[in-house]
């Protein structure tokens, strides 16, 4: 979904009795809905705050609060905080690299049950830059998941191990080589033919997890794929395609990260308790 990168994977934890979270969930949910209702007024205030360099940090707060409230009511506060933190770290990976390339990124925006995205004001003019911007999210998110796993194993904290397992699959799903996933923008710089196995893999995952959201994304992605083959990529980006050396580095980085996240998912799944944080 150009020029936005989104995180779609969301895993439901095993339902547990959490009697103490009811009041907290209600308060957080109401706060989130209030913030969303008065989003227009809040944005005006945040634009004023941008004069003191604070607006970029606060613009996504209302959507974050709304997502946190909804996740807390449905899954409990531990899982809700875990998902929000993991999504935020992933999006900050995009944000940092966008800023490095001078693409004027905006604050991450959270969308309940879809994930989050970070928009940029300037679109990259070459496919290699586009690929590295897309790659940054799963890479930084993957590092955070590995750190959570190592800390969990070292301290014996199974909650951190379970969080690492969730982070691994969130970022691994983003590497599926078809748009609107990050992997689709990475694959575009290598070869558009990767979209075909990407569409097949996404369809398989959608049917395996029986996820209506993934099914919708899979159908939409197929239309995007046919559009890409029929019309070609963005003309501006096609003027500066990735060189052979860039394609090699992007391919190795892409495959290496996919293998590493798969390894983390398998090992954290074995060590983690049944269910999620």
Protein backbone atom coordinates (compact mmCIF):
# COMPACT_ATOMS: atom_id res chain seq x y z
CA UNK A 1 0.00 0.00 0.00
CA UNK A 2 2.32 2.66 -1.33
CA UNK A 3 3.82 4.64 0.36
CA UNK A 4 2.74 3.02 3.58
CA UNK A 5 4.11 -0.10 5.21
CA UNK A 6 1.76 -2.10 7.37
CA UNK A 7 1.92 -4.95 9.80
CA UNK A 8 -1.05 -7.26 9.41
CA UNK A 9 -0.32 -10.44 11.41
CA UNK A 10 -2.17 -10.69 14.70
CA UNK A 11 -2.25 -13.84 16.81
CA UNK A 12 -4.96 -14.61 19.31
CA UNK A 13 -3.64 -15.90 22.63
CA UNK A 14 -5.13 -18.67 24.66
CA UNK A 15 -8.02 -17.20 26.60
CA UNK A 16 -7.37 -17.05 30.31
CA UNK A 17 -9.36 -15.77 33.23
CA UNK A 18 -8.27 -12.22 33.95
CA UNK A 19 -10.84 -10.80 36.36
CA UNK A 20 -8.71 -7.80 37.25
CA UNK A 21 -8.42 -6.46 33.71
CA UNK A 22 -12.10 -5.65 33.20
CA UNK A 23 -12.11 -2.14 34.75
CA UNK A 24 -8.74 -1.29 33.20
CA UNK A 25 -9.93 -2.45 29.77
CA UNK A 26 -13.06 -0.32 30.01
CA UNK A 27 -11.15 2.82 30.99
CA UNK A 28 -8.51 2.42 28.31
CA UNK A 29 -11.12 1.61 25.66
CA UNK A 30 -13.22 4.66 26.52
CA UNK A 31 -10.14 6.90 26.44
CA UNK A 32 -9.24 5.53 23.03
CA UNK A 33 -12.74 6.16 21.65
CA UNK A 34 -12.77 9.70 23.06
CA UNK A 35 -9.42 10.45 21.47
CA UNK A 36 -10.65 9.07 18.14
CA UNK A 37 -13.89 11.10 18.31
CA UNK A 38 -12.02 14.34 18.85
CA UNK A 39 -9.19 13.46 16.49
CA UNK A 40 -9.70 16.60 14.39
CA UNK A 41 -9.25 18.92 17.33
CA UNK A 42 -6.35 16.87 18.60
CA UNK A 43 -4.56 17.12 15.24
CA UNK A 44 -4.82 20.91 15.31
CA UNK A 45 -3.26 20.96 18.76
CA UNK A 46 -0.54 18.53 17.67
CA UNK A 47 0.33 20.68 14.66
CA UNK A 48 0.88 23.53 17.07
CA UNK A 49 3.04 21.33 19.26
CA UNK A 50 5.18 20.48 16.24
CA UNK A 51 6.70 23.94 16.63
CA UNK A 52 8.49 22.59 19.68
CA UNK A 53 9.35 19.29 17.97
CA UNK A 54 6.86 17.26 20.05
CA UNK A 55 4.04 16.84 17.55
CA UNK A 56 5.66 13.97 15.61
CA UNK A 57 5.87 11.97 18.84
CA UNK A 58 2.26 12.54 19.88
CA UNK A 59 0.37 12.37 16.58
CA UNK A 60 -0.03 8.61 16.73
CA UNK A 61 -1.03 8.52 20.40
CA UNK A 62 -4.79 8.52 19.78
CA UNK A 63 -4.65 5.52 17.42
CA UNK A 64 -2.23 3.74 19.74
CA UNK A 65 -4.56 4.29 22.71
CA UNK A 66 -7.54 3.03 20.72
CA UNK A 67 -5.70 -0.15 19.66
CA UNK A 68 -4.44 -0.70 23.20
CA UNK A 69 -7.95 -0.36 24.59
CA UNK A 70 -9.48 -2.79 22.10
CA UNK A 71 -6.71 -5.37 22.50
CA UNK A 72 -6.92 -5.10 26.29
CA UNK A 73 -10.67 -5.73 26.31
CA UNK A 74 -10.29 -8.78 24.05
CA UNK A 75 -6.98 -10.36 25.05
CA UNK A 76 -5.87 -8.89 28.37
CA UNK A 77 -3.39 -6.11 29.14
CA UNK A 78 -0.19 -8.19 28.87
CA UNK A 79 -0.87 -9.32 25.31
CA UNK A 80 -2.15 -5.85 24.36
CA UNK A 81 1.02 -4.12 25.54
CA UNK A 82 3.18 -6.79 23.87
CA UNK A 83 1.52 -6.26 20.47
CA UNK A 84 1.67 -2.45 20.71
CA UNK A 85 5.37 -2.47 21.65
CA UNK A 86 6.26 -4.96 18.90
CA UNK A 87 4.35 -2.99 16.27
CA UNK A 88 5.89 0.29 17.42
CA UNK A 89 9.44 -1.08 17.23
CA UNK A 90 8.74 -2.46 13.75
CA UNK A 91 7.39 0.87 12.53
CA UNK A 92 10.26 2.81 14.08
CA UNK A 93 12.59 0.72 11.92
CA UNK A 94 10.82 2.14 8.87
CA UNK A 95 10.79 5.61 10.43
CA UNK A 96 14.54 5.71 11.12
CA UNK A 97 15.54 4.59 7.61
CA UNK A 98 12.99 6.93 5.99
CA UNK A 99 14.52 9.77 7.98
CA UNK A 100 18.04 8.66 6.98
CA UNK A 101 17.11 8.87 3.28
CA UNK A 102 15.37 12.22 3.75
CA UNK A 103 11.88 10.87 2.95
CA UNK A 104 10.16 12.95 5.66
CA UNK A 105 8.39 10.17 7.61
CA UNK A 106 5.29 10.77 9.69
CA UNK A 107 4.43 9.33 13.10
CA UNK A 108 3.27 5.68 13.10
CA UNK A 109 -0.50 5.19 12.96
CA UNK A 110 -2.15 2.14 14.54
CA UNK A 111 -5.16 0.35 13.01
CA UNK A 112 -6.85 -2.24 15.27
CA UNK A 113 -6.72 -5.82 13.87
CA UNK A 114 -4.66 -4.61 10.89
CA UNK A 115 -1.49 -3.44 12.61
CA UNK A 116 0.27 -0.13 12.01
CA UNK A 117 1.85 1.86 9.23
CA UNK A 118 4.36 4.67 8.81
CA UNK A 119 3.75 7.04 5.92
CA UNK A 120 6.39 9.12 4.18
CA UNK A 121 5.94 12.46 2.44
CA UNK A 122 8.49 11.69 -0.29
CA UNK A 123 8.50 8.47 -2.31
CA UNK A 124 11.93 6.90 -2.98
CA UNK A 125 13.15 7.52 -6.51
CA UNK A 126 14.88 4.16 -6.90
CA UNK A 127 13.91 0.58 -6.17
CA UNK A 128 16.92 -0.19 -3.96
CA UNK A 129 16.07 2.60 -1.51
CA UNK A 130 12.45 1.44 -1.50
CA UNK A 131 13.62 -2.08 -0.65
CA UNK A 132 15.83 -0.97 2.26
CA UNK A 133 13.04 1.18 3.70
CA UNK A 134 10.73 -1.85 3.59
CA UNK A 135 13.42 -4.17 4.96
CA UNK A 136 14.12 -1.94 7.97
CA UNK A 137 10.82 -2.75 9.72
CA UNK A 138 11.18 -6.56 9.87
CA UNK A 139 14.92 -6.20 10.57
CA UNK A 140 14.58 -3.90 13.59
CA UNK A 141 11.47 -5.78 14.72
CA UNK A 142 13.37 -9.05 14.38
CA UNK A 143 16.28 -7.74 16.46
CA UNK A 144 13.84 -6.76 19.19
CA UNK A 145 12.27 -10.23 19.11
CA UNK A 146 15.71 -11.89 19.35
CA UNK A 147 16.61 -9.62 22.29
CA UNK A 148 13.37 -10.59 24.03
CA UNK A 149 14.11 -14.29 23.46
CA UNK A 150 17.70 -14.09 24.76
CA UNK A 151 16.63 -12.09 27.82
CA UNK A 152 13.78 -14.52 28.44
CA UNK A 153 16.06 -17.58 28.24
CA UNK A 154 18.71 -15.93 30.41
CA UNK A 155 16.29 -14.91 33.16
CA UNK A 156 13.89 -17.84 32.78
CA UNK A 157 11.04 -15.47 31.98
CA UNK A 158 8.63 -17.41 29.76
CA UNK A 159 6.53 -14.29 29.11
CA UNK A 160 9.48 -12.69 27.27
CA UNK A 161 9.98 -15.90 25.28
CA UNK A 162 6.31 -15.91 24.28
CA UNK A 163 6.62 -12.24 23.26
CA UNK A 164 9.61 -13.16 21.08
CA UNK A 165 7.53 -15.88 19.44
CA UNK A 166 4.79 -13.38 18.61
CA UNK A 167 7.37 -10.88 17.32
CA UNK A 168 8.97 -13.51 15.12
CA UNK A 169 5.76 -14.41 13.30
CA UNK A 170 4.63 -10.77 13.02
CA UNK A 171 7.83 -9.81 11.24
CA UNK A 172 8.06 -13.08 9.31
CA UNK A 173 4.62 -12.54 7.81
CA UNK A 174 5.75 -9.10 6.68
CA UNK A 175 8.42 -10.77 4.51
CA UNK A 176 5.84 -12.52 2.30
CA UNK A 177 6.94 -11.34 -1.18
CA UNK A 178 3.75 -9.64 -2.32
CA UNK A 179 2.28 -6.20 -1.75
CA UNK A 180 1.09 -4.66 0.56
CA UNK A 181 3.54 -6.54 2.80
CA UNK A 182 7.08 -5.24 3.24
CA UNK A 183 8.33 -8.28 1.35
CA UNK A 184 6.44 -7.13 -1.73
CA UNK A 185 8.42 -3.90 -1.91
CA UNK A 186 11.65 -5.82 -1.30
CA UNK A 187 10.82 -8.39 -4.01
CA UNK A 188 10.01 -5.61 -6.47
CA UNK A 189 13.66 -4.54 -6.42
CA UNK A 190 14.83 -8.11 -7.09
CA UNK A 191 12.27 -9.44 -9.58
CA UNK A 192 8.51 -9.11 -9.92
CA UNK A 193 8.30 -12.88 -10.51
CA UNK A 194 8.61 -13.33 -6.74
CA UNK A 195 5.06 -11.98 -6.49
CA UNK A 196 3.72 -15.30 -7.82
CA UNK A 197 5.09 -17.57 -5.04
CA UNK A 198 4.24 -14.75 -2.63
CA UNK A 199 0.56 -14.86 -3.65
CA UNK A 200 0.52 -18.66 -3.34
CA UNK A 201 2.14 -18.52 0.11
CA UNK A 202 -0.26 -15.83 1.31
CA UNK A 203 -3.25 -17.85 0.11
CA UNK A 204 -1.90 -20.92 1.90
CA UNK A 205 -1.46 -18.97 5.14
CA UNK A 206 -4.94 -17.46 4.86
CA UNK A 207 -6.54 -20.90 4.48
CA UNK A 208 -4.33 -22.48 7.15
CA UNK A 209 -5.15 -19.87 9.79
CA UNK A 210 -8.71 -19.45 8.47
CA UNK A 211 -8.29 -15.71 8.80
CA UNK A 212 -10.90 -13.57 7.00
CA UNK A 213 -8.47 -10.63 7.09
CA UNK A 214 -5.69 -12.61 5.42
CA UNK A 215 -8.15 -13.91 2.81
CA UNK A 216 -9.19 -10.35 1.95
CA UNK A 217 -5.55 -9.26 1.76
CA UNK A 218 -4.71 -12.28 -0.40
CA UNK A 219 -7.47 -11.45 -2.91
CA UNK A 220 -6.46 -7.77 -2.98
CA UNK A 221 -2.81 -8.74 -3.42
CA UNK A 222 -3.63 -10.85 -6.48
CA UNK A 223 -5.25 -7.85 -8.15
CA UNK A 224 -2.20 -5.73 -7.24
CA UNK A 225 0.09 -8.39 -8.70
CA UNK A 226 -1.76 -8.50 -12.02
CA UNK A 227 -1.73 -4.71 -12.11
CA UNK A 228 2.04 -4.69 -11.59
CA UNK A 229 2.62 -7.15 -14.43
CA UNK A 230 0.25 -5.32 -16.77
CA UNK A 231 1.30 -1.74 -16.10
CA UNK A 232 4.77 -2.20 -14.67
CA UNK A 233 6.24 -0.53 -11.61
CA UNK A 234 6.21 3.15 -10.80
CA UNK A 235 7.77 5.06 -13.75
CA UNK A 236 9.88 7.22 -11.47
CA UNK A 237 11.33 4.17 -9.72
CA UNK A 238 11.88 2.37 -13.04
CA UNK A 239 14.27 5.11 -14.07
CA UNK A 240 16.60 3.93 -11.32
CA UNK A 241 16.25 0.15 -10.98
CA UNK A 242 18.43 -1.76 -8.55
CA UNK A 243 21.85 -2.67 -9.93
CA UNK A 244 23.08 -6.27 -10.03
CA UNK A 245 25.22 -5.69 -6.92
CA UNK A 246 22.30 -4.10 -5.07
CA UNK A 247 20.04 -7.02 -5.99
CA UNK A 248 22.58 -9.48 -4.62
CA UNK A 249 22.86 -7.64 -1.28
CA UNK A 250 19.10 -7.18 -1.00
CA UNK A 251 18.46 -10.84 -1.84
CA UNK A 252 21.01 -12.13 0.69
CA UNK A 253 19.68 -9.82 3.40
CA UNK A 254 16.09 -10.78 2.63
CA UNK A 255 16.71 -14.54 2.64
CA UNK A 256 18.99 -14.33 5.69
CA UNK A 257 16.39 -12.44 7.72
CA UNK A 258 13.65 -14.88 6.71
CA UNK A 259 15.78 -17.84 7.83
CA UNK A 260 16.71 -16.14 11.11
CA UNK A 261 13.10 -15.29 11.95
CA UNK A 262 11.98 -18.82 11.10
CA UNK A 263 14.67 -20.19 13.43
CA UNK A 264 13.54 -17.82 16.19
CA UNK A 265 9.89 -18.73 15.72
CA UNK A 266 10.58 -22.48 15.93
CA UNK A 267 12.81 -22.28 19.01
CA UNK A 268 10.72 -19.73 20.89
CA UNK A 269 7.59 -21.77 20.15
CA UNK A 270 9.19 -24.82 21.78
CA UNK A 271 10.31 -22.92 24.88
CA UNK A 272 7.27 -20.70 25.33
CA UNK A 273 4.28 -21.81 27.44
CA UNK A 274 1.10 -22.77 25.63
CA UNK A 275 -0.57 -19.61 24.40
CA UNK A 276 0.86 -16.11 24.31
CA UNK A 277 1.68 -13.32 26.79
